Amino acid sequence: MIVRCPGVVALIVKISLMAVLANWPGTSAVAAENLYRAQTIVTGQGEGNRIIGFAACLEDVLVKVSGALKLESDPRLDAYKSRAADFVSAYSYHDQMSGKPKRDEQGTRDRPYDLIVDFDDNKINNVLNSLGVRPWLSRRPILGVFVEMEQGSRQYIATSDARQSDLQRDSLLAAALKRGMMIVLPDVAALAKAHINATELLTTASSTLASVAAERGGEVVLVGRLKWDESELGWATEWRMDWNGRTHRWQLRGVTFDEAFRRGIGGAAQILSGNGDPG
């Protein structure tokens, strides 16, 4: 279902393009015009849930446009989120259960929808300026992402083509889209050719990783390690990126790999945008 708001035709076209790009194996692409769009999951199409969804999307867009991951959960955003609808230029719904029977008497109340929201560029830029953060509108470097996954005896690098990486690949592409970044992943053949394996990924020379990433268009290398911690029922993660002559490192624990990837790519965006090291 599409809600008729200004710019809705352009929205449909841009969403279709975004879906095509996101399905390219091992890559993600985010055009500049998509920086001011976000989406979240809501139940039904009622106004109450839509307003909650607008608030969640507003926070995501402020982080995405600025590159400043530090804005996530910033209490200063509460005042803006309470009137998030004021910043919306268009929105649409995508029924996650399209084609499945309706379960309730109204047919839409309990169905999950993707709420896709476009925000007004100038209004978002003004909010960022009021928060002391600049919009990051210059060209964004393409990240070459190398991630080691370790769970018990299983240890592998997430790639663009290995079946065991399907979940991680989809999650990385979603995280890149959420943070407004472009990423490339290595394929199995490239890793084998460069003699890169999961056990030694963190000690592999940065120049070797950069060479592999460059073959797919990667310009900056982001390296991550996720190890399952049974006691915390989550992943212990560490990230590393070389930029402007410095090695940046950040860690977090006890999270899903979806959140770990959002934090990893979001942390890279914060560094590249000049907003400081991720905490």
C-alpha atoms as a PDB file:
ATOM      1  CA  MET A   1       0.000   0.000   0.000  1.00  0.00           C
ATOM      2  CA  ILE A   2       1.281   3.460  -0.855  1.00  0.00           C
ATOM      3  CA  VAL A   3       0.170   6.527   1.083  1.00  0.00           C
ATOM      4  CA  ARG A   4      -0.242   9.444  -1.270  1.00  0.00           C
ATOM      5  CA  CYS A   5       2.245  12.075  -0.136  1.00  0.00           C
ATOM      6  CA  PRO A   6       4.365  14.515  -2.152  1.00  0.00           C
ATOM      7  CA  GLY A   7       7.091  12.748  -4.070  1.00  0.00           C
ATOM      8  CA  VAL A   8       5.500   9.311  -3.777  1.00  0.00           C
ATOM      9  CA  VAL A   9       6.132   8.361  -7.426  1.00  0.00           C
ATOM     10  CA  ALA A  10       9.820   9.093  -7.043  1.00  0.00           C
ATOM     11  CA  LEU A  11       9.760   7.101  -3.813  1.00  0.00           C
ATOM     12  CA  ILE A  12       8.471   3.996  -5.579  1.00  0.00           C
ATOM     13  CA  VAL A  13      11.189   4.250  -8.232  1.00  0.00           C
ATOM     14  CA  LYS A  14      13.932   4.779  -5.664  1.00  0.00           C
ATOM     15  CA  ILE A  15      12.771   1.864  -3.492  1.00  0.00           C
ATOM     16  CA  SER A  16      12.821  -0.429  -6.542  1.00  0.00           C
ATOM     17  CA  LEU A  17      16.342   0.676  -7.413  1.00  0.00           C
ATOM     18  CA  MET A  18      17.455   0.206  -3.837  1.00  0.00           C
ATOM     19  CA  ALA A  19      16.109  -3.354  -3.804  1.00  0.00           C
ATOM     20  CA  VAL A  20      17.996  -4.218  -7.004  1.00  0.00           C
ATOM     21  CA  LEU A  21      21.271  -2.805  -5.696  1.00  0.00           C
ATOM     22  CA  ALA A  22      20.944  -4.534  -2.344  1.00  0.00           C
ATOM     23  CA  ASN A  23      20.610  -7.890  -4.101  1.00  0.00           C
ATOM     24  CA  TRP A  24      23.925  -7.638  -5.948  1.00  0.00           C
ATOM     25  CA  PRO A  25      26.100 -10.432  -4.521  1.00  0.00           C
ATOM     26  CA  GLY A  26      28.705  -9.153  -2.063  1.00  0.00           C
ATOM     27  CA  THR A  27      28.011  -5.456  -2.567  1.00  0.00           C
ATOM     28  CA  SER A  28      25.713  -2.740  -1.361  1.00  0.00           C
ATOM     29  CA  ALA A  29      25.124   0.629  -2.961  1.00  0.00           C
ATOM     30  CA  VAL A  30      23.437   3.632  -1.450  1.00  0.00           C
ATOM     31  CA  ALA A  31      22.725   6.646  -3.650  1.00  0.00           C
ATOM     32  CA  ALA A  32      22.898  10.110  -2.112  1.00  0.00           C
ATOM     33  CA  GLU A  33      19.146  10.573  -2.477  1.00  0.00           C
ATOM     34  CA  ASN A  34      18.559   7.572  -0.190  1.00  0.00           C
ATOM     35  CA  LEU A  35      20.379   9.097   2.789  1.00  0.00           C
ATOM     36  CA  TYR A  36      17.162  10.741   3.950  1.00  0.00           C
ATOM     37  CA  ARG A  37      15.139   7.507   3.936  1.00  0.00           C
ATOM     38  CA  ALA A  38      14.740   4.925   6.681  1.00  0.00           C
ATOM     39  CA  GLN A  39      12.428   2.043   7.402  1.00  0.00           C
ATOM     40  CA  THR A  40      11.181   0.105  10.396  1.00  0.00           C
ATOM     41  CA  ILE A  41       8.688  -2.671  11.132  1.00  0.00           C
ATOM     42  CA  VAL A  42       5.248  -1.758  12.469  1.00  0.00           C
ATOM     43  CA  THR A  43       2.130  -3.767  13.248  1.00  0.00           C
ATOM     44  CA  GLY A  44      -0.811  -2.667  11.124  1.00  0.00           C
ATOM     45  CA  GLN A  45      -1.249   0.751   9.582  1.00  0.00           C
ATOM     46  CA  GLY A  46      -2.814   2.622  12.495  1.00  0.00           C
ATOM     47  CA  GLU A  47      -1.691   6.150  13.290  1.00  0.00           C
ATOM     48  CA  GLY A  48      -0.337   5.252  16.736  1.00  0.00           C
ATOM     49  CA  ASN A  49       2.143   2.704  15.427  1.00  0.00           C
ATOM     50  CA  ARG A  50       2.979   4.935  12.475  1.00  0.00           C
ATOM     51  CA  ILE A  51       3.969   7.800  14.808  1.00  0.00           C
ATOM     52  CA  ILE A  52       6.196   5.430  16.796  1.00  0.00           C
ATOM     53  CA  GLY A  53       7.714   4.257  13.516  1.00  0.00           C
ATOM     54  CA  PHE A  54       8.361   7.829  12.391  1.00  0.00           C
ATOM     55  CA  ALA A  55      10.315   8.467  15.608  1.00  0.00           C
ATOM     56  CA  ALA A  56      12.482   5.374  15.142  1.00  0.00           C
ATOM     57  CA  CYS A  57      13.141   6.276  11.504  1.00  0.00           C
ATOM     58  CA  LEU A  58      14.023   9.859  12.403  1.00  0.00           C
ATOM     59  CA  GLU A  59      16.802   8.697  14.704  1.00  0.00           C
ATOM     60  CA  ASP A  60      18.121   6.331  12.026  1.00  0.00           C
ATOM     61  CA  VAL A  61      18.155   9.094   9.401  1.00  0.00           C
ATOM     62  CA  LEU A  62      19.951  11.555  11.673  1.00  0.00           C
ATOM     63  CA  VAL A  63      22.662   8.945  12.285  1.00  0.00           C
ATOM     64  CA  LYS A  64      22.824   7.990   8.603  1.00  0.00           C
ATOM     65  CA  VAL A  65      22.987  11.507   7.177  1.00  0.00           C
ATOM     66  CA  SER A  66      25.632  12.663   9.664  1.00  0.00           C
ATOM     67  CA  GLY A  67      27.616   9.445  10.008  1.00  0.00           C
ATOM     68  CA  ALA A  68      27.581  10.144  13.751  1.00  0.00           C
ATOM     69  CA  LEU A  69      26.743   6.843  15.438  1.00  0.00           C
ATOM     70  CA  LYS A  70      27.100   8.684  18.757  1.00  0.00           C
ATOM     71  CA  LEU A  71      23.662  10.253  18.113  1.00  0.00           C
ATOM     72  CA  GLU A  72      22.023   6.860  18.628  1.00  0.00           C
ATOM     73  CA  SER A  73      19.931   7.022  21.831  1.00  0.00           C
ATOM     74  CA  ASP A  74      21.094  10.603  22.453  1.00  0.00           C
ATOM     75  CA  PRO A  75      18.506  12.112  24.870  1.00  0.00           C
ATOM     76  CA  ARG A  76      18.618  15.374  22.917  1.00  0.00           C
ATOM     77  CA  LEU A  77      16.722  13.598  20.139  1.00  0.00           C
ATOM     78  CA  ASP A  78      13.636  13.021  22.291  1.00  0.00           C
ATOM     79  CA  ALA A  79      12.187  16.464  21.587  1.00  0.00           C
ATOM     80  CA  TYR A  80      12.507  15.940  17.834  1.00  0.00           C
ATOM     81  CA  LYS A  81      11.224  12.358  17.928  1.00  0.00           C
ATOM     82  CA  SER A  82       8.078  13.478  19.739  1.00  0.00           C
ATOM     83  CA  ARG A  83       7.137  15.444  16.602  1.00  0.00           C
ATOM     84  CA  ALA A  84       8.857  13.263  14.014  1.00  0.00           C
ATOM     85  CA  ALA A  85       5.899  13.546  11.632  1.00  0.00           C
ATOM     86  CA  ASP A  86       6.791  17.213  11.099  1.00  0.00           C
ATOM     87  CA  PHE A  87       9.951  16.143   9.276  1.00  0.00           C
ATOM     88  CA  VAL A  88       8.357  13.515   7.003  1.00  0.00           C
ATOM     89  CA  SER A  89       7.902  14.254   3.296  1.00  0.00           C
ATOM     90  CA  ALA A  90       6.517  10.849   2.210  1.00  0.00           C
ATOM     91  CA  TYR A  91       5.921   7.354   3.536  1.00  0.00           C
ATOM     92  CA  SER A  92       4.732   3.977   2.303  1.00  0.00           C
ATOM     93  CA  TYR A  93       3.967   0.504   3.592  1.00  0.00           C
ATOM     94  CA  HIS A  94       5.142  -2.885   2.408  1.00  0.00           C
ATOM     95  CA  ASP A  95       3.107  -5.838   3.678  1.00  0.00           C
ATOM     96  CA  GLN A  96       5.548  -8.479   4.942  1.00  0.00           C
ATOM     97  CA  MET A  97       2.777 -11.090   4.649  1.00  0.00           C
ATOM     98  CA  SER A  98       1.649 -10.139   1.171  1.00  0.00           C
ATOM     99  CA  GLY A  99      -0.231 -13.033  -0.398  1.00  0.00           C
ATOM    100  CA  LYS A 100      -0.972 -14.724   2.949  1.00  0.00           C
ATOM    101  CA  PRO A 101      -4.497 -14.974   4.389  1.00  0.00           C
ATOM    102  CA  LYS A 102      -5.654 -12.169   6.673  1.00  0.00           C
ATOM    103  CA  ARG A 103      -5.969 -13.330  10.283  1.00  0.00           C
ATOM    104  CA  ASP A 104      -8.232 -10.783  11.945  1.00  0.00           C
ATOM    105  CA  GLU A 105     -11.625  -9.242  11.315  1.00  0.00           C
ATOM    106  CA  GLN A 106     -10.171  -6.072   9.839  1.00  0.00           C
ATOM    107  CA  GLY A 107      -7.420  -7.830   7.939  1.00  0.00           C
ATOM    108  CA  THR A 108      -4.621  -5.382   8.717  1.00  0.00           C
ATOM    109  CA  ARG A 109      -4.523  -4.840  12.471  1.00  0.00           C
ATOM    110  CA  ASP A 110      -2.053  -7.587  13.368  1.00  0.00           C
ATOM    111  CA  ARG A 111      -0.057  -7.812  10.139  1.00  0.00           C
ATOM    112  CA  PRO A 112       3.606  -6.740  10.123  1.00  0.00           C
ATOM    113  CA  TYR A 113       4.509  -3.998   7.662  1.00  0.00           C
ATOM    114  CA  ASP A 114       7.720  -2.314   6.609  1.00  0.00           C
ATOM    115  CA  LEU A 115       7.116   1.392   7.126  1.00  0.00           C
ATOM    116  CA  ILE A 116       9.357   3.250   4.640  1.00  0.00           C
ATOM    117  CA  VAL A 117       9.823   6.935   5.396  1.00  0.00           C
ATOM    118  CA  ASP A 118      11.338   9.791   3.402  1.00  0.00           C
ATOM    119  CA  PHE A 119      12.369  12.889   5.369  1.00  0.00           C
ATOM    120  CA  ASP A 120      12.725  16.471   4.204  1.00  0.00           C
ATOM    121  CA  ASP A 121      16.417  17.121   3.450  1.00  0.00           C
ATOM    122  CA  ASN A 122      16.539  20.695   4.697  1.00  0.00           C
ATOM    123  CA  LYS A 123      14.653  19.947   7.901  1.00  0.00           C
ATOM    124  CA  ILE A 124      16.978  17.059   8.752  1.00  0.00           C
ATOM    125  CA  ASN A 125      20.038  19.196   8.030  1.00  0.00           C
ATOM    126  CA  ASN A 126      18.674  21.895  10.320  1.00  0.00           C
ATOM    127  CA  VAL A 127      18.143  19.385  13.139  1.00  0.00           C
ATOM    128  CA  LEU A 128      21.703  18.167  12.772  1.00  0.00           C
ATOM    129  CA  ASN A 129      23.036  21.715  12.837  1.00  0.00           C
ATOM    130  CA  SER A 130      21.078  22.361  16.036  1.00  0.00           C
ATOM    131  CA  LEU A 131      22.760  19.285  17.548  1.00  0.00           C
ATOM    132  CA  GLY A 132      26.195  20.549  16.565  1.00  0.00           C
ATOM    133  CA  VAL A 133      26.688  17.847  13.918  1.00  0.00           C
ATOM    134  CA  ARG A 134      27.185  18.401  10.199  1.00  0.00           C
ATOM    135  CA  PRO A 135      25.469  16.451   7.426  1.00  0.00           C
ATOM    136  CA  TRP A 136      28.022  14.173   5.746  1.00  0.00           C
ATOM    137  CA  LEU A 137      27.187  14.872   2.123  1.00  0.00           C
ATOM    138  CA  SER A 138      30.589  14.345   0.500  1.00  0.00           C
ATOM    139  CA  ARG A 139      31.402  11.117  -1.324  1.00  0.00           C
ATOM    140  CA  ARG A 140      31.623   8.162   1.048  1.00  0.00           C
ATOM    141  CA  PRO A 141      34.481   5.657   0.631  1.00  0.00           C
ATOM    142  CA  ILE A 142      33.562   2.067  -0.202  1.00  0.00           C
ATOM    143  CA  LEU A 143      34.319  -0.261   2.700  1.00  0.00           C
ATOM    144  CA  GLY A 144      36.022  -3.574   2.040  1.00  0.00           C
ATOM    145  CA  VAL A 145      34.659  -5.657   4.936  1.00  0.00           C
ATOM    146  CA  PHE A 146      36.428  -8.734   6.306  1.00  0.00           C
ATOM    147  CA  VAL A 147      34.590 -10.432   9.180  1.00  0.00           C
ATOM    148  CA  GLU A 148      35.643 -13.571  11.022  1.00  0.00           C
ATOM    149  CA  MET A 149      32.850 -15.583  12.659  1.00  0.00           C
ATOM    150  CA  GLU A 150      33.723 -18.033  15.447  1.00  0.00           C
ATOM    151  CA  GLN A 151      31.170 -20.229  17.192  1.00  0.00           C
ATOM    152  CA  GLY A 152      32.528 -23.321  18.886  1.00  0.00           C
ATOM    153  CA  SER A 153      34.484 -25.315  16.328  1.00  0.00           C
ATOM    154  CA  ARG A 154      33.072 -23.288  13.428  1.00  0.00           C
ATOM    155  CA  GLN A 155      35.334 -20.521  12.201  1.00  0.00           C
ATOM    156  CA  TYR A 156      35.020 -18.787   8.832  1.00  0.00           C
ATOM    157  CA  ILE A 157      35.149 -15.438   7.046  1.00  0.00           C
ATOM    158  CA  ALA A 158      31.897 -13.949   5.753  1.00  0.00           C
ATOM    159  CA  THR A 159      32.103 -13.878   1.962  1.00  0.00           C
ATOM    160  CA  SER A 160      30.039 -12.817  -1.011  1.00  0.00           C
ATOM    161  CA  ASP A 161      29.473 -16.367  -2.255  1.00  0.00           C
ATOM    162  CA  ALA A 162      29.833 -19.063   0.428  1.00  0.00           C
ATOM    163  CA  ARG A 163      26.531 -20.570   1.530  1.00  0.00           C
ATOM    164  CA  GLN A 164      27.558 -20.613   5.186  1.00  0.00           C
ATOM    165  CA  SER A 165      27.782 -16.815   5.008  1.00  0.00           C
ATOM    166  CA  ASP A 166      24.216 -16.263   3.772  1.00  0.00           C
ATOM    167  CA  LEU A 167      22.839 -14.863   7.025  1.00  0.00           C
ATOM    168  CA  GLN A 168      25.881 -12.720   7.758  1.00  0.00           C
ATOM    169  CA  ARG A 169      26.042 -11.399   4.200  1.00  0.00           C
ATOM    170  CA  ASP A 170      22.397 -10.316   4.277  1.00  0.00           C
ATOM    171  CA  SER A 171      22.894  -8.738   7.684  1.00  0.00           C
ATOM    172  CA  LEU A 172      26.004  -6.841   6.585  1.00  0.00           C
ATOM    173  CA  LEU A 173      24.212  -5.483   3.521  1.00  0.00           C
ATOM    174  CA  ALA A 174      21.271  -4.398   5.690  1.00  0.00           C
ATOM    175  CA  ALA A 175      23.641  -2.707   8.147  1.00  0.00           C
ATOM    176  CA  ALA A 176      25.380  -0.873   5.308  1.00  0.00           C
ATOM    177  CA  LEU A 177      22.055   0.361   3.946  1.00  0.00           C
ATOM    178  CA  LYS A 178      20.960   1.502   7.416  1.00  0.00           C
ATOM    179  CA  ARG A 179      24.192   3.467   7.907  1.00  0.00           C
ATOM    180  CA  GLY A 180      24.341   4.942   4.406  1.00  0.00           C
ATOM    181  CA  MET A 181      27.534   3.117   3.440  1.00  0.00           C
ATOM    182  CA  MET A 182      28.698   1.100   0.446  1.00  0.00           C
ATOM    183  CA  ILE A 183      30.460  -2.192   1.177  1.00  0.00           C
ATOM    184  CA  VAL A 184      32.122  -5.042  -0.687  1.00  0.00           C
ATOM    185  CA  LEU A 185      32.865  -8.516   0.642  1.00  0.00           C
ATOM    186  CA  PRO A 186      35.621 -10.872  -0.538  1.00  0.00           C
ATOM    187  CA  ASP A 187      34.742 -14.072  -2.350  1.00  0.00           C
ATOM    188  CA  VAL A 188      36.129 -17.497  -1.489  1.00  0.00           C
ATOM    189  CA  ALA A 189      38.497 -17.583  -4.460  1.00  0.00           C
ATOM    190  CA  ALA A 190      40.039 -14.209  -3.625  1.00  0.00           C
ATOM    191  CA  LEU A 191      40.687 -15.255  -0.026  1.00  0.00           C
ATOM    192  CA  ALA A 192      42.305 -18.500  -1.152  1.00  0.00           C
ATOM    193  CA  LYS A 193      44.461 -16.711  -3.725  1.00  0.00           C
ATOM    194  CA  ALA A 194      45.735 -14.273  -1.078  1.00  0.00           C
ATOM    195  CA  HIS A 195      46.178 -17.078   1.510  1.00  0.00           C
ATOM    196  CA  ILE A 196      43.789 -15.406   3.941  1.00  0.00           C
ATOM    197  CA  ASN A 197      42.030 -17.638   6.463  1.00  0.00           C
ATOM    198  CA  ALA A 198      39.791 -17.076   9.455  1.00  0.00           C
ATOM    199  CA  THR A 199      42.346 -18.153  12.051  1.00  0.00           C
ATOM    200  CA  GLU A 200      44.882 -15.546  10.956  1.00  0.00           C
ATOM    201  CA  LEU A 201      42.579 -12.774   9.719  1.00  0.00           C
ATOM    202  CA  LEU A 202      43.331 -10.328  12.533  1.00  0.00           C
ATOM    203  CA  THR A 203      47.080 -10.679  12.002  1.00  0.00           C
ATOM    204  CA  THR A 204      46.956 -10.499   8.203  1.00  0.00           C
ATOM    205  CA  ALA A 205      48.833  -7.485   6.847  1.00  0.00           C
ATOM    206  CA  SER A 206      46.580  -4.527   6.113  1.00  0.00           C
ATOM    207  CA  SER A 207      48.198  -4.202   2.682  1.00  0.00           C
ATOM    208  CA  THR A 208      47.116  -7.741   1.785  1.00  0.00           C
ATOM    209  CA  LEU A 209      43.526  -7.097   2.808  1.00  0.00           C
ATOM    210  CA  ALA A 210      43.511  -3.750   0.996  1.00  0.00           C
ATOM    211  CA  SER A 211      44.681  -5.427  -2.198  1.00  0.00           C
ATOM    212  CA  VAL A 212      41.878  -8.007  -2.057  1.00  0.00           C
ATOM    213  CA  ALA A 213      39.279  -5.323  -1.288  1.00  0.00           C
ATOM    214  CA  ALA A 214      40.538  -3.087  -4.103  1.00  0.00           C
ATOM    215  CA  GLU A 215      39.829  -5.801  -6.663  1.00  0.00           C
ATOM    216  CA  ARG A 216      36.130  -5.379  -5.831  1.00  0.00           C
ATOM    217  CA  GLY A 217      36.210  -1.619  -5.500  1.00  0.00           C
ATOM    218  CA  GLY A 218      36.901  -1.389  -1.763  1.00  0.00           C
ATOM    219  CA  GLU A 219      38.786   1.735  -0.731  1.00  0.00           C
ATOM    220  CA  VAL A 220      39.017   1.395   3.061  1.00  0.00           C
ATOM    221  CA  VAL A 221      39.368  -1.912   4.916  1.00  0.00           C
ATOM    222  CA  LEU A 222      37.189  -2.732   7.927  1.00  0.00           C
ATOM    223  CA  VAL A 223      38.158  -5.885   9.841  1.00  0.00           C
ATOM    224  CA  GLY A 224      35.929  -7.531  12.427  1.00  0.00           C
ATOM    225  CA  ARG A 225      35.922 -10.581  14.654  1.00  0.00           C
ATOM    226  CA  LEU A 226      32.769 -12.015  16.207  1.00  0.00           C
ATOM    227  CA  LYS A 227      33.111 -14.795  18.783  1.00  0.00           C
ATOM    228  CA  TRP A 228      30.080 -16.425  20.372  1.00  0.00           C
ATOM    229  CA  ASP A 229      30.049 -16.140  24.172  1.00  0.00           C
ATOM    230  CA  GLU A 230      27.807 -18.807  25.654  1.00  0.00           C
ATOM    231  CA  SER A 231      27.791 -17.176  29.100  1.00  0.00           C
ATOM    232  CA  GLU A 232      26.403 -13.926  27.657  1.00  0.00           C
ATOM    233  CA  LEU A 233      24.319 -15.560  24.939  1.00  0.00           C
ATOM    234  CA  GLY A 234      25.726 -13.014  22.509  1.00  0.00           C
ATOM    235  CA  TRP A 235      28.705 -12.151  20.354  1.00  0.00           C
ATOM    236  CA  ALA A 236      31.914 -10.612  21.660  1.00  0.00           C
ATOM    237  CA  THR A 237      33.111  -8.372  18.856  1.00  0.00           C
ATOM    238  CA  GLU A 238      36.147  -6.336  17.972  1.00  0.00           C
ATOM    239  CA  TRP A 239      36.673  -4.032  15.001  1.00  0.00           C
ATOM    240  CA  ARG A 240      39.709  -2.419  13.370  1.00  0.00           C
ATOM    241  CA  MET A 241      40.113   0.158  10.643  1.00  0.00           C
ATOM    242  CA  ASP A 242      43.141   2.107   9.402  1.00  0.00           C
ATOM    243  CA  TRP A 243      42.376   5.690   8.422  1.00  0.00           C
ATOM    244  CA  ASN A 244      44.502   8.821   8.030  1.00  0.00           C
ATOM    245  CA  GLY A 245      47.600   7.154   9.436  1.00  0.00           C
ATOM    246  CA  ARG A 246      45.870   5.798  12.541  1.00  0.00           C
ATOM    247  CA  THR A 247      44.557   2.375  13.549  1.00  0.00           C
ATOM    248  CA  HIS A 248      41.128   2.698  15.131  1.00  0.00           C
ATOM    249  CA  ARG A 249      39.763  -0.101  17.343  1.00  0.00           C
ATOM    250  CA  TRP A 250      36.435  -0.587  19.103  1.00  0.00           C
ATOM    251  CA  GLN A 251      34.656  -3.435  20.871  1.00  0.00           C
ATOM    252  CA  LEU A 252      31.303  -4.525  22.273  1.00  0.00           C
ATOM    253  CA  ARG A 253      29.915  -7.668  23.869  1.00  0.00           C
ATOM    254  CA  GLY A 254      26.732  -9.620  24.318  1.00  0.00           C
ATOM    255  CA  VAL A 255      24.982  -8.515  21.122  1.00  0.00           C
ATOM    256  CA  THR A 256      23.366 -10.178  18.115  1.00  0.00           C
ATOM    257  CA  PHE A 257      25.461 -10.264  14.966  1.00  0.00           C
ATOM    258  CA  ASP A 258      22.945  -7.892  13.379  1.00  0.00           C
ATOM    259  CA  GLU A 259      23.707  -5.299  16.063  1.00  0.00           C
ATOM    260  CA  ALA A 260      27.434  -6.076  15.861  1.00  0.00           C
ATOM    261  CA  PHE A 261      27.421  -5.331  12.127  1.00  0.00           C
ATOM    262  CA  ARG A 262      25.434  -2.127  12.597  1.00  0.00           C
ATOM    263  CA  ARG A 263      27.971  -1.040  15.218  1.00  0.00           C
ATOM    264  CA  GLY A 264      30.924  -2.063  13.097  1.00  0.00           C
ATOM    265  CA  ILE A 265      29.828  -0.274   9.928  1.00  0.00           C
ATOM    266  CA  GLY A 266      28.357   2.591  11.954  1.00  0.00           C
ATOM    267  CA  GLY A 267      31.653   2.988  13.796  1.00  0.00           C
ATOM    268  CA  ALA A 268      33.514   3.121  10.490  1.00  0.00           C
ATOM    269  CA  ALA A 269      31.095   5.787   9.258  1.00  0.00           C
ATOM    270  CA  GLN A 270      31.648   7.839  12.406  1.00  0.00           C
ATOM    271  CA  ILE A 271      35.413   7.809  11.884  1.00  0.00           C
ATOM    272  CA  LEU A 272      35.240   8.531   8.150  1.00  0.00           C
ATOM    273  CA  SER A 273      32.766  11.380   8.659  1.00  0.00           C
ATOM    274  CA  GLY A 274      35.096  13.093  11.131  1.00  0.00           C
ATOM    275  CA  ASN A 275      32.830  12.536  14.137  1.00  0.00           C
ATOM    276  CA  GLY A 276      35.490  10.837  16.273  1.00  0.00           C
ATOM    277  CA  ASP A 277      36.172   7.310  17.449  1.00  0.00           C
ATOM    278  CA  PRO A 278      33.221   5.030  18.253  1.00  0.00           C
ATOM    279  CA  GLY A 279      32.820   4.440  21.956  1.00  0.00           C
END
